[in-house]
Amino acid sequence: MSDLLERLRGRGWRMTAQRRVVAEVLDGEHVHLTADEVHSRAVDKLPEISRATVYNTLGELVSLGEVLEVATDKRAKRYDPNAHRPHHHLVCSQCGAIRDVHPNGNPLADLPDAERFGFTVSDVEVTYRGTCPNCAAA
């Protein structure tokens, strides 16, 4: 489970009712919601929350480095609260479901010097694609 709420409190982030609800919606394991999905779930908890507040809060969380903005395909960006544990993503090519994965090894070390073209590589994003069990069964 993500510790987003605890991290935000530890940073002294001003926890308004609206911000708290957005953080609660995002908190959890394997959470990769679109902004519209966050808004829809936030409205269930706090009916008066606006779409603009949700978008602004998501932007703040990304700027703080507490939430990752994930774009694994041409679909809407998704928001991942698992920002402090290095991981990659496993994406269903049919329905778009996303799971966090933690493979063994170091993908930075796996890139040969000849393939770095003089770059100083500081980060790597790996996306595994396949078919999830639900889509495979359909």
C-alpha atoms as a PDB file:
ATOM      1  CA  MET A   1       0.000   0.000   0.000  1.00  0.00           C
ATOM      2  CA  SER A   2       1.220   3.500  -0.804  1.00  0.00           C
ATOM      3  CA  ASP A   3       2.043   5.828   2.056  1.00  0.00           C
ATOM      4  CA  LEU A   4       1.032   9.004   0.206  1.00  0.00           C
ATOM      5  CA  LEU A   5      -1.006  10.549   3.022  1.00  0.00           C
ATOM      6  CA  GLU A   6       1.774   9.971   5.553  1.00  0.00           C
ATOM      7  CA  ARG A   7       4.392  11.435   3.200  1.00  0.00           C
ATOM      8  CA  LEU A   8       2.295  14.548   2.608  1.00  0.00           C
ATOM      9  CA  ARG A   9       1.676  15.076   6.319  1.00  0.00           C
ATOM     10  CA  GLY A  10       5.406  14.616   6.960  1.00  0.00           C
ATOM     11  CA  ARG A  11       6.166  17.366   4.457  1.00  0.00           C
ATOM     12  CA  GLY A  12       3.782  19.729   6.228  1.00  0.00           C
ATOM     13  CA  TRP A  13       1.577  19.960   3.133  1.00  0.00           C
ATOM     14  CA  ARG A  14      -1.523  21.980   3.971  1.00  0.00           C
ATOM     15  CA  MET A  15      -4.209  19.294   4.113  1.00  0.00           C
ATOM     16  CA  THR A  16      -7.473  20.943   3.067  1.00  0.00           C
ATOM     17  CA  ALA A  17     -10.546  18.729   2.737  1.00  0.00           C
ATOM     18  CA  GLN A  18     -10.169  18.763  -1.051  1.00  0.00           C
ATOM     19  CA  ARG A  19      -6.476  17.863  -0.999  1.00  0.00           C
ATOM     20  CA  ARG A  20      -7.072  15.128   1.566  1.00  0.00           C
ATOM     21  CA  VAL A  21      -9.778  13.543  -0.598  1.00  0.00           C
ATOM     22  CA  VAL A  22      -7.561  13.580  -3.718  1.00  0.00           C
ATOM     23  CA  ALA A  23      -4.725  12.008  -1.727  1.00  0.00           C
ATOM     24  CA  GLU A  24      -7.085   9.376  -0.274  1.00  0.00           C
ATOM     25  CA  VAL A  25      -8.332   8.472  -3.762  1.00  0.00           C
ATOM     26  CA  LEU A  26      -4.743   8.030  -4.970  1.00  0.00           C
ATOM     27  CA  ASP A  27      -3.510   6.139  -1.927  1.00  0.00           C
ATOM     28  CA  GLY A  28      -3.049   2.416  -2.476  1.00  0.00           C
ATOM     29  CA  GLU A  29      -1.124  -0.243  -4.309  1.00  0.00           C
ATOM     30  CA  HIS A  30      -1.197  -0.436  -8.133  1.00  0.00           C
ATOM     31  CA  VAL A  31      -3.174   2.821  -8.393  1.00  0.00           C
ATOM     32  CA  HIS A  32      -2.946   4.394 -11.851  1.00  0.00           C
ATOM     33  CA  LEU A  33      -6.004   6.607 -12.233  1.00  0.00           C
ATOM     34  CA  THR A  34      -6.703   9.269 -14.854  1.00  0.00           C
ATOM     35  CA  ALA A  35      -7.541  12.771 -13.641  1.00  0.00           C
ATOM     36  CA  ASP A  36     -11.194  12.157 -14.544  1.00  0.00           C
ATOM     37  CA  GLU A  37     -11.208   8.928 -12.536  1.00  0.00           C
ATOM     38  CA  VAL A  38      -9.686  10.759  -9.565  1.00  0.00           C
ATOM     39  CA  HIS A  39     -12.359  13.447  -9.883  1.00  0.00           C
ATOM     40  CA  SER A  40     -15.183  10.904 -10.113  1.00  0.00           C
ATOM     41  CA  ARG A  41     -14.005   9.068  -6.997  1.00  0.00           C
ATOM     42  CA  ALA A  42     -13.338  12.325  -5.148  1.00  0.00           C
ATOM     43  CA  VAL A  43     -16.896  13.526  -5.865  1.00  0.00           C
ATOM     44  CA  ASP A  44     -18.203  10.352  -4.205  1.00  0.00           C
ATOM     45  CA  LYS A  45     -16.398  11.410  -1.016  1.00  0.00           C
ATOM     46  CA  LEU A  46     -16.759  15.190  -1.313  1.00  0.00           C
ATOM     47  CA  PRO A  47     -19.571  16.130  -3.742  1.00  0.00           C
ATOM     48  CA  GLU A  48     -18.607  19.807  -4.006  1.00  0.00           C
ATOM     49  CA  ILE A  49     -15.021  19.198  -5.185  1.00  0.00           C
ATOM     50  CA  SER A  50     -14.422  20.736  -8.606  1.00  0.00           C
ATOM     51  CA  ARG A  51     -12.617  19.243 -11.553  1.00  0.00           C
ATOM     52  CA  ALA A  52     -10.230  22.238 -11.515  1.00  0.00           C
ATOM     53  CA  THR A  53      -9.316  21.558  -7.879  1.00  0.00           C
ATOM     54  CA  VAL A  54      -8.562  17.927  -8.697  1.00  0.00           C
ATOM     55  CA  TYR A  55      -6.396  18.887 -11.686  1.00  0.00           C
ATOM     56  CA  ASN A  56      -4.566  21.567  -9.671  1.00  0.00           C
ATOM     57  CA  THR A  57      -3.979  19.184  -6.766  1.00  0.00           C
ATOM     58  CA  LEU A  58      -2.642  16.493  -9.106  1.00  0.00           C
ATOM     59  CA  GLY A  59      -0.294  19.075 -10.626  1.00  0.00           C
ATOM     60  CA  GLU A  60       0.964  20.039  -7.171  1.00  0.00           C
ATOM     61  CA  LEU A  61       1.522  16.413  -6.194  1.00  0.00           C
ATOM     62  CA  VAL A  62       3.513  15.792  -9.382  1.00  0.00           C
ATOM     63  CA  SER A  63       5.561  18.978  -8.809  1.00  0.00           C
ATOM     64  CA  LEU A  64       6.313  17.857  -5.255  1.00  0.00           C
ATOM     65  CA  GLY A  65       7.508  14.490  -6.587  1.00  0.00           C
ATOM     66  CA  GLU A  66       4.917  12.668  -4.495  1.00  0.00           C
ATOM     67  CA  VAL A  67       2.948  11.341  -7.485  1.00  0.00           C
ATOM     68  CA  LEU A  68       4.230  10.216 -10.873  1.00  0.00           C
ATOM     69  CA  GLU A  69       2.531  11.183 -14.105  1.00  0.00           C
ATOM     70  CA  VAL A  70       2.468   8.024 -16.217  1.00  0.00           C
ATOM     71  CA  ALA A  71       1.886   7.928 -19.974  1.00  0.00           C
ATOM     72  CA  THR A  72       2.157   4.330 -21.150  1.00  0.00           C
ATOM     73  CA  ASP A  73       0.226   4.741 -24.393  1.00  0.00           C
ATOM     74  CA  LYS A  74      -1.820   7.282 -26.302  1.00  0.00           C
ATOM     75  CA  ARG A  75      -4.527   7.204 -23.641  1.00  0.00           C
ATOM     76  CA  ALA A  76      -4.946   9.775 -20.880  1.00  0.00           C
ATOM     77  CA  LYS A  77      -2.126  10.370 -18.424  1.00  0.00           C
ATOM     78  CA  ARG A  78      -2.410   8.399 -15.223  1.00  0.00           C
ATOM     79  CA  TYR A  79      -1.268   9.268 -11.719  1.00  0.00           C
ATOM     80  CA  ASP A  80       0.835   6.844  -9.688  1.00  0.00           C
ATOM     81  CA  PRO A  81       1.401   7.425  -5.936  1.00  0.00           C
ATOM     82  CA  ASN A  82       4.237   4.890  -5.896  1.00  0.00           C
ATOM     83  CA  ALA A  83       6.766   7.664  -6.493  1.00  0.00           C
ATOM     84  CA  HIS A  84       9.425   6.659  -3.990  1.00  0.00           C
ATOM     85  CA  ARG A  85      10.040   3.029  -4.871  1.00  0.00           C
ATOM     86  CA  PRO A  86      11.692   2.436  -8.247  1.00  0.00           C
ATOM     87  CA  HIS A  87       9.465   0.326 -10.456  1.00  0.00           C
ATOM     88  CA  HIS A  88       8.333  -0.285 -14.007  1.00  0.00           C
ATOM     89  CA  HIS A  89       4.912  -0.890 -15.482  1.00  0.00           C
ATOM     90  CA  LEU A  90       3.127  -3.880 -16.960  1.00  0.00           C
ATOM     91  CA  VAL A  91       0.336  -2.730 -19.300  1.00  0.00           C
ATOM     92  CA  CYS A  92      -2.472  -4.697 -20.896  1.00  0.00           C
ATOM     93  CA  SER A  93      -2.489  -3.888 -24.610  1.00  0.00           C
ATOM     94  CA  GLN A  94      -6.231  -4.500 -24.795  1.00  0.00           C
ATOM     95  CA  CYS A  95      -7.867  -2.826 -21.775  1.00  0.00           C
ATOM     96  CA  GLY A  96      -5.013  -0.597 -20.574  1.00  0.00           C
ATOM     97  CA  ALA A  97      -4.804  -2.068 -17.053  1.00  0.00           C
ATOM     98  CA  ILE A  98      -1.506  -1.150 -15.378  1.00  0.00           C
ATOM     99  CA  ARG A  99       0.416  -2.968 -12.647  1.00  0.00           C
ATOM    100  CA  ASP A 100       3.614  -1.912 -10.927  1.00  0.00           C
ATOM    101  CA  VAL A 101       6.419  -4.452 -11.327  1.00  0.00           C
ATOM    102  CA  HIS A 102       9.819  -4.747  -9.688  1.00  0.00           C
ATOM    103  CA  PRO A 103      12.038  -6.927 -11.896  1.00  0.00           C
ATOM    104  CA  ASN A 104      15.486  -8.025 -10.799  1.00  0.00           C
ATOM    105  CA  GLY A 105      18.541  -6.361 -12.250  1.00  0.00           C
ATOM    106  CA  ASN A 106      19.446  -2.803 -13.092  1.00  0.00           C
ATOM    107  CA  PRO A 107      18.241  -1.542 -16.482  1.00  0.00           C
ATOM    108  CA  LEU A 108      20.661   1.390 -16.276  1.00  0.00           C
ATOM    109  CA  ALA A 109      23.578  -1.017 -16.044  1.00  0.00           C
ATOM    110  CA  ASP A 110      22.138  -3.132 -18.861  1.00  0.00           C
ATOM    111  CA  LEU A 111      22.611  -0.325 -21.416  1.00  0.00           C
ATOM    112  CA  PRO A 112      26.054  -0.835 -22.997  1.00  0.00           C
ATOM    113  CA  ASP A 113      28.375   2.183 -23.169  1.00  0.00           C
ATOM    114  CA  ALA A 114      28.299   2.030 -26.982  1.00  0.00           C
ATOM    115  CA  GLU A 115      24.508   2.528 -26.876  1.00  0.00           C
ATOM    116  CA  ARG A 116      24.639   5.575 -24.579  1.00  0.00           C
ATOM    117  CA  PHE A 117      25.947   7.906 -27.335  1.00  0.00           C
ATOM    118  CA  GLY A 118      27.792  10.021 -24.780  1.00  0.00           C
ATOM    119  CA  PHE A 119      24.692  10.553 -22.627  1.00  0.00           C
ATOM    120  CA  THR A 120      24.946  10.520 -18.869  1.00  0.00           C
ATOM    121  CA  VAL A 121      21.914   8.357 -18.183  1.00  0.00           C
ATOM    122  CA  SER A 122      20.143   9.201 -14.936  1.00  0.00           C
ATOM    123  CA  ASP A 123      16.831   7.389 -15.232  1.00  0.00           C
ATOM    124  CA  VAL A 124      15.105   4.645 -17.173  1.00  0.00           C
ATOM    125  CA  GLU A 125      11.459   3.805 -17.748  1.00  0.00           C
ATOM    126  CA  VAL A 126      10.518   0.307 -18.838  1.00  0.00           C
ATOM    127  CA  THR A 127       7.020  -0.657 -19.933  1.00  0.00           C
ATOM    128  CA  TYR A 128       6.160  -4.303 -20.386  1.00  0.00           C
ATOM    129  CA  ARG A 129       3.141  -4.950 -22.609  1.00  0.00           C
ATOM    130  CA  GLY A 130       0.949  -7.974 -22.834  1.00  0.00           C
ATOM    131  CA  THR A 131      -2.576  -9.240 -22.220  1.00  0.00           C
ATOM    132  CA  CYS A 132      -4.041  -9.313 -18.718  1.00  0.00           C
ATOM    133  CA  PRO A 133      -5.824 -12.455 -17.466  1.00  0.00           C
ATOM    134  CA  ASN A 134      -9.288 -10.852 -17.846  1.00  0.00           C
ATOM    135  CA  CYS A 135      -8.740  -9.917 -21.485  1.00  0.00           C
ATOM    136  CA  ALA A 136      -7.087 -13.262 -22.232  1.00  0.00           C
ATOM    137  CA  ALA A 137     -10.150 -15.075 -20.830  1.00  0.00           C
ATOM    138  CA  ALA A 138     -12.593 -12.993 -22.903  1.00  0.00           C
END
